[in-house]
Structure formats: C-alpha cells, structure tokens
C-alpha cells in the first residue's frame, strides 16, 4: 500500500472465536514505516492524531528494542 504509514507482514499465530467475531493474533515477520500524519477512526468519525508533549516515538522504540536498524 503505497500511501500507508506502516505495513506489517504477519503469519497467523492464533485464531480465537469471540461470539460473532474472530480475533487473529499475528506474529510479525517484517514491517516498514515512514514519517507522516496518521489518520484515526473513533466513534464513527475520522480525525487527526497529535503527539503528546514530550513524546518521541523513535527514541522510545530505541530504548525498548535497542534500535530498529
């Protein structure tokens, strides 16, 4: 998807039936991302997402996973 900000390639790890829904749990095999403004959908409406003051996603990920490179 050329316009997507993130893309995940997963293999199915587990399928769970939840009444009239199914929950698929995937094991991420590959992923990619690019910078941009994300789109949110909540309460039947689309909207913009803004960062919380002091939030730095890339440095947070580096601290958790030791970098993505």
Protein backbone atom coordinates (compact mmCIF):
# COMPACT_ATOMS: atom_id res chain seq x y z
CA UNK A 1 0.00 0.00 0.00
CA UNK A 2 1.95 2.98 -1.24
CA UNK A 3 0.10 5.56 0.91
CA UNK A 4 0.26 3.62 4.19
CA UNK A 5 2.45 4.94 7.01
CA UNK A 6 3.09 1.44 8.31
CA UNK A 7 2.90 -2.05 6.89
CA UNK A 8 3.15 -5.36 8.75
CA UNK A 9 3.71 -8.78 7.20
CA UNK A 10 2.48 -11.40 9.66
CA UNK A 11 1.91 -15.11 9.89
CA UNK A 12 -1.14 -16.30 11.80
CA UNK A 13 -0.17 -17.29 15.32
CA UNK A 14 -3.63 -17.92 16.74
CA UNK A 15 -7.32 -17.62 15.80
CA UNK A 16 -9.83 -17.01 18.60
CA UNK A 17 -13.60 -17.10 18.15
CA UNK A 18 -15.27 -14.33 20.18
CA UNK A 19 -19.02 -14.67 19.71
CA UNK A 20 -19.82 -13.18 16.30
CA UNK A 21 -16.21 -12.02 15.77
CA UNK A 22 -12.82 -13.62 15.26
CA UNK A 23 -9.59 -12.33 16.73
CA UNK A 24 -6.48 -13.10 14.72
CA UNK A 25 -3.18 -12.85 16.54
CA UNK A 26 -0.24 -12.49 14.18
CA UNK A 27 3.49 -12.97 14.54
CA UNK A 28 5.18 -10.05 12.78
CA UNK A 29 7.72 -11.31 10.25
CA UNK A 30 8.58 -7.98 8.57
CA UNK A 31 7.49 -4.38 8.91
CA UNK A 32 8.14 -1.00 7.44
CA UNK A 33 7.13 2.55 8.22
CA UNK A 34 7.56 6.11 7.06
CA UNK A 35 7.00 9.54 8.57
CA UNK A 36 3.65 11.24 8.17
CA UNK A 37 0.46 12.31 9.90
CA UNK A 38 -1.61 9.28 10.95
CA UNK A 39 -5.34 9.01 10.39
CA UNK A 40 -7.55 7.98 13.33
CA UNK A 41 -11.04 6.46 13.34
CA UNK A 42 -13.09 6.62 16.53
CA UNK A 43 -16.79 6.92 17.28
CA UNK A 44 -17.68 6.59 13.61
CA UNK A 45 -15.55 9.57 12.58
CA UNK A 46 -12.10 10.17 11.14
CA UNK A 47 -9.72 12.61 12.76
CA UNK A 48 -6.11 13.70 13.15
CA UNK A 49 -3.65 12.46 15.74
CA UNK A 50 -1.23 14.75 17.53
CA UNK A 51 1.75 13.79 19.67
CA UNK A 52 1.59 14.18 23.42
CA UNK A 53 4.00 16.80 24.78
CA UNK A 54 7.43 15.22 25.31
CA UNK A 55 6.63 12.10 23.26
CA UNK A 56 9.32 10.90 20.86
CA UNK A 57 8.29 7.61 19.25
CA UNK A 58 11.60 6.73 17.58
CA UNK A 59 13.67 7.29 20.73
CA UNK A 60 11.09 5.39 22.78
CA UNK A 61 11.39 2.42 20.41
CA UNK A 62 15.17 2.61 20.54
CA UNK A 63 15.04 2.44 24.32
CA UNK A 64 12.71 -0.57 24.24
CA UNK A 65 14.23 -2.59 21.37
CA UNK A 66 17.74 -1.18 21.08
CA UNK A 67 17.09 0.44 17.70
CA UNK A 68 15.35 -0.68 14.55
CA UNK A 69 18.40 -0.84 12.33
